[in-house]
Amino acid sequence: MPDSVTSLGYQAFYGCSALSSVTIGGGITSISSYTFSGCTSLETIVIPTSVTQIRSSAFIGCSSLETVYYCGDSSAWSDIDKGTDVDGSLTSAKKYYYSEIEPDGEGFWHLDEDGEPTVWETQAD
């Protein structure tokens, strides 16, 4: 997307049942209402730290949404204005926070050698 695009528009991907994974570009600051509504096959999404607002019901009906890879930490995630998640699709998805180096705890991800989001596996003692 061009750098001039800062918002994913109202119902932009509405009902796109073939959409299974999304990586949002770093210039996006807002995800509008119902942007991904009804994307029943959407399983994973990567959200950059540039996103400061996720409007109400942006992910309503995303019944397969399991994983959110956020490019910041849990504090920055908490600071995002998330509106109302009517059916809980975004709220109930597992969140992973970005870490370039292997962390001591769970709940973090990094990019693998192919540029794909990968959860850091914690080592058992």
C-alpha atoms as a PDB file:
ATOM      1  CA  MET A   1       0.000   0.000   0.000  1.00  0.00           C
ATOM      2  CA  PRO A   2       1.170   3.534  -0.634  1.00  0.00           C
ATOM      3  CA  ASP A   3       2.558   5.432   2.370  1.00  0.00           C
ATOM      4  CA  SER A   4      -0.333   7.880   2.027  1.00  0.00           C
ATOM      5  CA  VAL A   5      -2.790   5.143   3.117  1.00  0.00           C
ATOM      6  CA  THR A   6      -3.123   5.345   6.896  1.00  0.00           C
ATOM      7  CA  SER A   7      -6.441   3.614   7.491  1.00  0.00           C
ATOM      8  CA  LEU A   8      -7.986   0.325   6.481  1.00  0.00           C
ATOM      9  CA  GLY A   9     -11.468   1.434   5.477  1.00  0.00           C
ATOM     10  CA  TYR A  10     -14.942   0.506   6.608  1.00  0.00           C
ATOM     11  CA  GLN A  11     -15.751  -3.036   5.444  1.00  0.00           C
ATOM     12  CA  ALA A  12     -12.589  -3.116   3.287  1.00  0.00           C
ATOM     13  CA  PHE A  13     -12.297  -6.906   3.494  1.00  0.00           C
ATOM     14  CA  TYR A  14     -15.889  -7.610   4.549  1.00  0.00           C
ATOM     15  CA  GLY A  15     -16.887 -11.234   3.999  1.00  0.00           C
ATOM     16  CA  CYS A  16     -13.602 -12.230   2.354  1.00  0.00           C
ATOM     17  CA  SER A  17     -13.843 -15.890   3.312  1.00  0.00           C
ATOM     18  CA  ALA A  18     -10.625 -16.812   1.456  1.00  0.00           C
ATOM     19  CA  LEU A  19      -8.508 -14.500   3.641  1.00  0.00           C
ATOM     20  CA  SER A  20      -6.564 -16.622   6.155  1.00  0.00           C
ATOM     21  CA  SER A  21      -3.627 -14.409   7.152  1.00  0.00           C
ATOM     22  CA  VAL A  22      -2.996 -10.659   7.108  1.00  0.00           C
ATOM     23  CA  THR A  23       0.108  -8.559   7.699  1.00  0.00           C
ATOM     24  CA  ILE A  24      -0.813  -4.908   8.098  1.00  0.00           C
ATOM     25  CA  GLY A  25       1.687  -2.392   6.714  1.00  0.00           C
ATOM     26  CA  GLY A  26       3.621  -0.053   8.978  1.00  0.00           C
ATOM     27  CA  GLY A  27       1.926   3.093   7.669  1.00  0.00           C
ATOM     28  CA  ILE A  28      -1.523   2.065   8.882  1.00  0.00           C
ATOM     29  CA  THR A  29      -2.683   3.853  12.039  1.00  0.00           C
ATOM     30  CA  SER A  30      -6.358   2.899  12.093  1.00  0.00           C
ATOM     31  CA  ILE A  31      -8.460  -0.180  11.376  1.00  0.00           C
ATOM     32  CA  SER A  32     -12.031   0.942  10.709  1.00  0.00           C
ATOM     33  CA  SER A  33     -15.269  -0.668  11.853  1.00  0.00           C
ATOM     34  CA  TYR A  34     -16.120  -3.958  10.159  1.00  0.00           C
ATOM     35  CA  THR A  35     -12.858  -3.954   8.164  1.00  0.00           C
ATOM     36  CA  PHE A  36     -12.454  -7.727   8.508  1.00  0.00           C
ATOM     37  CA  SER A  37     -16.058  -8.515   9.446  1.00  0.00           C
ATOM     38  CA  GLY A  38     -17.159 -11.944   8.288  1.00  0.00           C
ATOM     39  CA  CYS A  39     -13.670 -13.107   7.302  1.00  0.00           C
ATOM     40  CA  THR A  40     -14.451 -16.569   8.622  1.00  0.00           C
ATOM     41  CA  SER A  41     -11.140 -18.125   7.517  1.00  0.00           C
ATOM     42  CA  LEU A  42      -8.924 -15.410   9.029  1.00  0.00           C
ATOM     43  CA  GLU A  43      -6.634 -17.228  11.473  1.00  0.00           C
ATOM     44  CA  THR A  44      -3.674 -14.880  12.009  1.00  0.00           C
ATOM     45  CA  ILE A  45      -2.967 -11.173  11.797  1.00  0.00           C
ATOM     46  CA  VAL A  46       0.237  -9.164  12.248  1.00  0.00           C
ATOM     47  CA  ILE A  47      -0.415  -5.680  13.616  1.00  0.00           C
ATOM     48  CA  PRO A  48       2.351  -3.023  13.584  1.00  0.00           C
ATOM     49  CA  THR A  49       2.960  -0.526  16.375  1.00  0.00           C
ATOM     50  CA  SER A  50       1.778   2.255  14.062  1.00  0.00           C
ATOM     51  CA  VAL A  51      -1.822   1.129  14.681  1.00  0.00           C
ATOM     52  CA  THR A  52      -3.277   3.305  17.422  1.00  0.00           C
ATOM     53  CA  GLN A  53      -6.954   2.612  16.834  1.00  0.00           C
ATOM     54  CA  ILE A  54      -9.020  -0.472  16.077  1.00  0.00           C
ATOM     55  CA  ARG A  55     -12.646   0.569  15.623  1.00  0.00           C
ATOM     56  CA  SER A  56     -15.621  -1.291  17.036  1.00  0.00           C
ATOM     57  CA  SER A  57     -16.451  -4.618  15.429  1.00  0.00           C
ATOM     58  CA  ALA A  58     -13.419  -4.536  13.126  1.00  0.00           C
ATOM     59  CA  PHE A  59     -13.093  -8.318  13.528  1.00  0.00           C
ATOM     60  CA  ILE A  60     -16.712  -9.340  14.166  1.00  0.00           C
ATOM     61  CA  GLY A  61     -17.489 -12.749  12.712  1.00  0.00           C
ATOM     62  CA  CYS A  62     -13.835 -13.757  12.431  1.00  0.00           C
ATOM     63  CA  SER A  63     -14.628 -17.108  14.011  1.00  0.00           C
ATOM     64  CA  SER A  64     -11.256 -18.669  13.093  1.00  0.00           C
ATOM     65  CA  LEU A  65      -9.069 -15.831  14.431  1.00  0.00           C
ATOM     66  CA  GLU A  66      -6.641 -17.611  16.749  1.00  0.00           C
ATOM     67  CA  THR A  67      -3.449 -15.562  16.752  1.00  0.00           C
ATOM     68  CA  VAL A  68      -2.524 -11.878  16.865  1.00  0.00           C
ATOM     69  CA  TYR A  69       1.149 -11.058  16.349  1.00  0.00           C
ATOM     70  CA  TYR A  70       1.689  -7.539  17.670  1.00  0.00           C
ATOM     71  CA  CYS A  71       4.927  -5.765  16.783  1.00  0.00           C
ATOM     72  CA  GLY A  72       5.173  -4.031  20.162  1.00  0.00           C
ATOM     73  CA  ASP A  73       4.936  -5.007  23.804  1.00  0.00           C
ATOM     74  CA  SER A  74       1.912  -5.631  26.025  1.00  0.00           C
ATOM     75  CA  SER A  75       1.925  -2.059  27.323  1.00  0.00           C
ATOM     76  CA  ALA A  76       1.716  -0.615  23.806  1.00  0.00           C
ATOM     77  CA  TRP A  77      -1.051  -3.115  22.952  1.00  0.00           C
ATOM     78  CA  SER A  78      -3.009  -1.882  25.981  1.00  0.00           C
ATOM     79  CA  ASP A  79      -2.650   1.709  24.752  1.00  0.00           C
ATOM     80  CA  ILE A  80      -4.454   0.999  21.464  1.00  0.00           C
ATOM     81  CA  ASP A  81      -7.991   2.392  21.367  1.00  0.00           C
ATOM     82  CA  LYS A  82      -9.833  -0.830  20.539  1.00  0.00           C
ATOM     83  CA  GLY A  83     -13.484   0.221  20.594  1.00  0.00           C
ATOM     84  CA  THR A  84     -15.965  -2.596  21.219  1.00  0.00           C
ATOM     85  CA  ASP A  85     -15.166  -6.164  20.204  1.00  0.00           C
ATOM     86  CA  VAL A  86     -18.813  -7.263  20.020  1.00  0.00           C
ATOM     87  CA  ASP A  87     -18.279 -11.007  19.496  1.00  0.00           C
ATOM     88  CA  GLY A  88     -14.857 -11.198  21.143  1.00  0.00           C
ATOM     89  CA  SER A  89     -12.937 -12.413  18.060  1.00  0.00           C
ATOM     90  CA  LEU A  90     -10.003 -10.055  18.658  1.00  0.00           C
ATOM     91  CA  THR A  91     -10.172 -10.259  22.437  1.00  0.00           C
ATOM     92  CA  SER A  92     -10.158 -14.055  22.600  1.00  0.00           C
ATOM     93  CA  ALA A  93      -7.310 -14.555  20.104  1.00  0.00           C
ATOM     94  CA  LYS A  94      -3.903 -15.438  21.573  1.00  0.00           C
ATOM     95  CA  LYS A  95      -1.585 -12.393  21.568  1.00  0.00           C
ATOM     96  CA  TYR A  96       2.138 -12.615  20.975  1.00  0.00           C
ATOM     97  CA  TYR A  97       4.480  -9.647  21.389  1.00  0.00           C
ATOM     98  CA  TYR A  98       7.544  -9.087  19.227  1.00  0.00           C
ATOM     99  CA  SER A  99      11.058  -9.842  20.482  1.00  0.00           C
ATOM    100  CA  GLU A 100      14.174 -10.004  18.292  1.00  0.00           C
ATOM    101  CA  ILE A 101      16.076 -11.942  20.924  1.00  0.00           C
ATOM    102  CA  GLU A 102      14.874 -15.117  22.589  1.00  0.00           C
ATOM    103  CA  PRO A 103      12.990 -14.052  25.723  1.00  0.00           C
ATOM    104  CA  ASP A 104      12.912 -15.801  29.099  1.00  0.00           C
ATOM    105  CA  GLY A 105       9.131 -16.097  29.155  1.00  0.00           C
ATOM    106  CA  GLU A 106       6.268 -17.136  26.926  1.00  0.00           C
ATOM    107  CA  GLY A 107       4.055 -15.044  24.672  1.00  0.00           C
ATOM    108  CA  PHE A 108       6.643 -13.680  22.227  1.00  0.00           C
ATOM    109  CA  TRP A 109       7.301 -14.031  18.507  1.00  0.00           C
ATOM    110  CA  HIS A 110       9.979 -13.215  15.933  1.00  0.00           C
ATOM    111  CA  LEU A 111      10.439 -13.495  12.175  1.00  0.00           C
ATOM    112  CA  ASP A 112      11.987 -16.754  10.997  1.00  0.00           C
ATOM    113  CA  GLU A 113      14.543 -17.006   8.166  1.00  0.00           C
ATOM    114  CA  ASP A 114      11.698 -16.905   5.629  1.00  0.00           C
ATOM    115  CA  GLY A 115      10.224 -13.752   7.149  1.00  0.00           C
ATOM    116  CA  GLU A 116       7.275 -15.598   8.697  1.00  0.00           C
ATOM    117  CA  PRO A 117       5.981 -14.883  12.229  1.00  0.00           C
ATOM    118  CA  THR A 118       7.179 -17.623  14.566  1.00  0.00           C
ATOM    119  CA  VAL A 119       6.491 -18.083  18.251  1.00  0.00           C
ATOM    120  CA  TRP A 120       9.597 -18.296  20.428  1.00  0.00           C
ATOM    121  CA  GLU A 121       9.680 -21.705  22.086  1.00  0.00           C
ATOM    122  CA  THR A 122      10.781 -21.578  25.709  1.00  0.00           C
ATOM    123  CA  GLN A 123      13.487 -24.007  26.758  1.00  0.00           C
ATOM    124  CA  ALA A 124      12.675 -26.472  29.542  1.00  0.00           C
ATOM    125  CA  ASP A 125      15.243 -26.643  32.335  1.00  0.00           C
END
